[in-house]
Amino acid sequence: MPNPRTDVPPPRYRPCAGITLVNQAGLIFVGERRGQAGNAWQMPQGGIDPGEEPLIAAKRELFEETGIDHVEFLAESAHWHCYDVPDDRRPRYWKGRYIGQCQRWFAFRFTGEDDEINLDLHEPEFSLWRWASKREVLDLAVPFKRDVYQDVLKEFDPFLACR
């Protein structure tokens, strides 16, 4: 039996899995959050259920948000990456239970075709999607997630396009 994960996010941070999905060209999947046109692009992410391993959560969230299940595992981040959500958004997100999210990140290579991507399988989170360079991902991200994105993209740099 595998040993359970002993590293956990700090208290008051929602445990999440983040996904850096890379296509064959080394570009990164980003989606625009539904209802927030123009200013809320992000990589797929989602909560880790109690007792769920982060890798399982990452695959589940990726499928729920994008319909994608044709992937090859590339890497797991070396540690948790945390960010605080602005005070004014906390009540809307988690009724004040958390001050932010702490994510374990996973890099996957997309091995399917773009026409497999379906944003409407589950409760839709994204209204649009696109493949983006590292720079575009950072430019499109909301400011409070940029530091985490920068660290994660640096960690997964060997799998990304140079542009």
Protein backbone atom coordinates (compact mmCIF):
# COMPACT_ATOMS: atom_id res chain seq x y z
CA MET A 1 0.00 0.00 0.00
CA PRO A 2 1.45 3.44 -0.93
CA ASN A 3 2.19 5.85 1.87
CA PRO A 4 -0.36 8.63 2.17
CA ARG A 5 0.84 12.12 1.30
CA THR A 6 2.23 13.82 4.39
CA ASP A 7 2.74 17.29 2.94
CA VAL A 8 -0.44 19.30 3.15
CA PRO A 9 -1.46 22.90 2.49
CA PRO A 10 -1.40 25.33 5.40
CA PRO A 11 -4.61 25.93 7.37
CA ARG A 12 -7.17 28.34 5.87
CA TYR A 13 -6.08 27.52 2.30
CA ARG A 14 -8.33 25.43 0.09
CA PRO A 15 -6.42 22.41 -1.24
CA CYS A 16 -6.51 22.31 -5.03
CA ALA A 17 -4.94 20.63 -8.01
CA GLY A 18 -3.66 22.81 -10.84
CA ILE A 19 -3.08 21.60 -14.35
CA THR A 20 -0.56 22.85 -16.89
CA LEU A 21 -1.80 21.18 -20.06
CA VAL A 22 0.70 21.42 -22.91
CA ASN A 23 -0.01 20.61 -26.56
CA GLN A 24 2.46 19.09 -29.02
CA ALA A 25 3.77 22.57 -29.87
CA GLY A 26 4.52 23.33 -26.19
CA LEU A 27 1.67 25.83 -25.85
CA ILE A 28 -0.48 25.92 -22.71
CA PHE A 29 -4.26 25.51 -22.38
CA VAL A 30 -6.03 28.47 -20.80
CA GLY A 31 -9.73 29.07 -20.37
CA GLU A 32 -11.67 32.25 -19.76
CA ARG A 33 -13.85 31.95 -16.68
CA ARG A 34 -17.53 32.00 -17.52
CA GLY A 35 -19.18 35.31 -16.68
CA GLN A 36 -15.89 37.21 -16.44
CA ALA A 37 -15.17 38.09 -20.07
CA GLY A 38 -11.91 39.85 -20.81
CA ASN A 39 -10.13 39.53 -17.49
CA ALA A 40 -10.22 36.04 -16.05
CA TRP A 41 -8.13 33.55 -18.02
CA GLN A 42 -6.59 30.66 -16.13
CA MET A 43 -5.19 27.18 -16.39
CA PRO A 44 -7.56 24.41 -15.24
CA GLN A 45 -7.72 23.89 -11.49
CA GLY A 46 -10.07 22.59 -8.86
CA GLY A 47 -10.59 21.40 -5.34
CA ILE A 48 -9.20 18.18 -3.96
CA ASP A 49 -11.92 16.14 -2.29
CA PRO A 50 -11.26 14.77 1.23
CA GLY A 51 -9.14 11.64 0.94
CA GLU A 52 -8.47 12.21 -2.77
CA GLU A 53 -4.90 12.13 -4.04
CA PRO A 54 -3.88 15.36 -5.84
CA LEU A 55 -3.01 13.56 -9.10
CA ILE A 56 -6.44 11.92 -9.21
CA ALA A 57 -8.05 15.29 -8.49
CA ALA A 58 -6.03 16.89 -11.31
CA LYS A 59 -7.20 14.33 -13.86
CA ARG A 60 -10.81 14.59 -12.63
CA GLU A 61 -10.81 18.39 -12.72
CA LEU A 62 -9.21 18.45 -16.16
CA PHE A 63 -11.93 16.18 -17.53
CA GLU A 64 -14.76 18.05 -15.78
CA GLU A 65 -13.58 21.46 -17.01
CA THR A 66 -12.43 20.54 -20.53
CA GLY A 67 -13.63 17.06 -21.47
CA ILE A 68 -9.99 16.10 -21.98
CA ASP A 69 -8.84 12.65 -20.94
CA HIS A 70 -6.19 11.97 -23.60
CA VAL A 71 -3.12 13.07 -21.68
CA GLU A 72 0.37 11.91 -20.82
CA PHE A 73 1.66 12.68 -17.32
CA LEU A 74 4.83 14.80 -17.45
CA ALA A 75 5.59 16.09 -13.96
CA GLU A 76 4.34 17.08 -10.52
CA SER A 77 5.37 20.31 -8.81
CA ALA A 78 7.94 19.90 -6.07
CA HIS A 79 5.73 21.62 -3.48
CA TRP A 80 2.39 23.32 -2.89
CA HIS A 81 1.90 26.77 -4.43
CA CYS A 82 -0.39 29.11 -2.48
CA TYR A 83 -2.05 32.41 -3.26
CA ASP A 84 -4.39 34.68 -1.35
CA VAL A 85 -7.69 35.71 -2.89
CA PRO A 86 -8.49 39.44 -2.57
CA ASP A 87 -10.57 40.16 0.55
CA ASP A 88 -13.59 41.35 -1.43
CA ARG A 89 -13.85 38.01 -3.31
CA ARG A 90 -13.53 35.62 -0.37
CA PRO A 91 -17.18 35.70 0.77
CA ARG A 92 -18.36 35.00 -2.78
CA TYR A 93 -15.95 32.10 -3.31
CA TRP A 94 -15.99 30.16 -0.05
CA LYS A 95 -18.17 32.13 2.38
CA GLY A 96 -15.01 33.26 4.19
CA ARG A 97 -13.87 29.71 5.02
CA TYR A 98 -10.55 30.11 3.17
CA ILE A 99 -8.23 33.04 2.56
CA GLY A 100 -6.86 31.51 -0.62
CA GLN A 101 -5.92 28.36 -2.42
CA CYS A 102 -2.92 26.11 -2.15
CA GLN A 103 -2.31 24.02 -5.24
CA ARG A 104 -0.31 20.98 -6.18
CA TRP A 105 0.45 21.40 -9.89
CA PHE A 106 0.70 18.74 -12.57
CA ALA A 107 2.00 19.01 -16.12
CA PHE A 108 0.33 16.86 -18.77
CA ARG A 109 0.85 16.63 -22.51
CA PHE A 110 -2.39 16.68 -24.50
CA THR A 111 -2.34 13.66 -26.80
CA GLY A 112 -5.78 14.13 -28.34
CA GLU A 113 -7.22 16.46 -30.96
CA ASP A 114 -8.55 19.97 -30.31
CA ASP A 115 -12.07 18.99 -31.41
CA GLU A 116 -12.27 16.72 -28.33
CA ILE A 117 -12.26 19.75 -26.04
CA ASN A 118 -15.74 20.25 -24.57
CA LEU A 119 -16.26 23.01 -22.02
CA ASP A 120 -19.88 22.01 -21.33
CA LEU A 121 -19.58 18.46 -19.95
CA HIS A 122 -19.94 19.29 -16.27
CA GLU A 123 -20.82 22.57 -14.57
CA PRO A 124 -19.16 24.87 -17.13
CA GLU A 125 -16.30 26.93 -15.74
CA PHE A 126 -14.95 28.35 -19.00
CA SER A 127 -16.71 30.16 -21.83
CA LEU A 128 -13.68 30.21 -24.17
CA TRP A 129 -10.36 28.43 -24.43
CA ARG A 130 -7.11 28.80 -26.35
CA TRP A 131 -3.51 27.62 -26.55
CA ALA A 132 -1.10 30.26 -25.26
CA SER A 133 2.62 30.86 -24.82
CA LYS A 134 4.15 31.25 -21.34
CA ARG A 135 4.17 35.03 -21.74
CA GLU A 136 0.52 35.10 -22.83
CA VAL A 137 -0.51 32.93 -19.86
CA LEU A 138 1.15 35.37 -17.48
CA ASP A 139 -0.31 38.39 -19.26
CA LEU A 140 -3.83 36.91 -19.23
CA ALA A 141 -3.80 35.71 -15.60
CA VAL A 142 -5.51 37.68 -12.86
CA PRO A 143 -2.89 39.55 -10.83
CA PHE A 144 -3.32 37.54 -7.61
CA LYS A 145 -2.43 34.28 -9.43
CA ARG A 146 0.54 35.57 -11.46
CA ASP A 147 3.28 34.74 -8.96
CA VAL A 148 2.08 31.14 -8.67
CA TYR A 149 1.77 30.85 -12.45
CA GLN A 150 5.26 32.25 -12.91
CA ASP A 151 6.73 29.74 -10.43
CA VAL A 152 4.81 26.80 -11.92
CA LEU A 153 5.72 27.68 -15.51
CA LYS A 154 9.36 28.03 -14.50
CA GLU A 155 9.24 24.60 -12.86
CA PHE A 156 7.61 23.04 -15.94
CA ASP A 157 9.74 25.02 -18.42
CA PRO A 158 11.34 21.93 -20.05
CA PHE A 159 7.91 21.00 -21.45
CA LEU A 160 6.94 24.45 -22.74
CA ALA A 161 7.52 26.32 -25.98
CA CYS A 162 10.26 28.94 -25.83
CA ARG A 163 8.07 31.76 -27.11
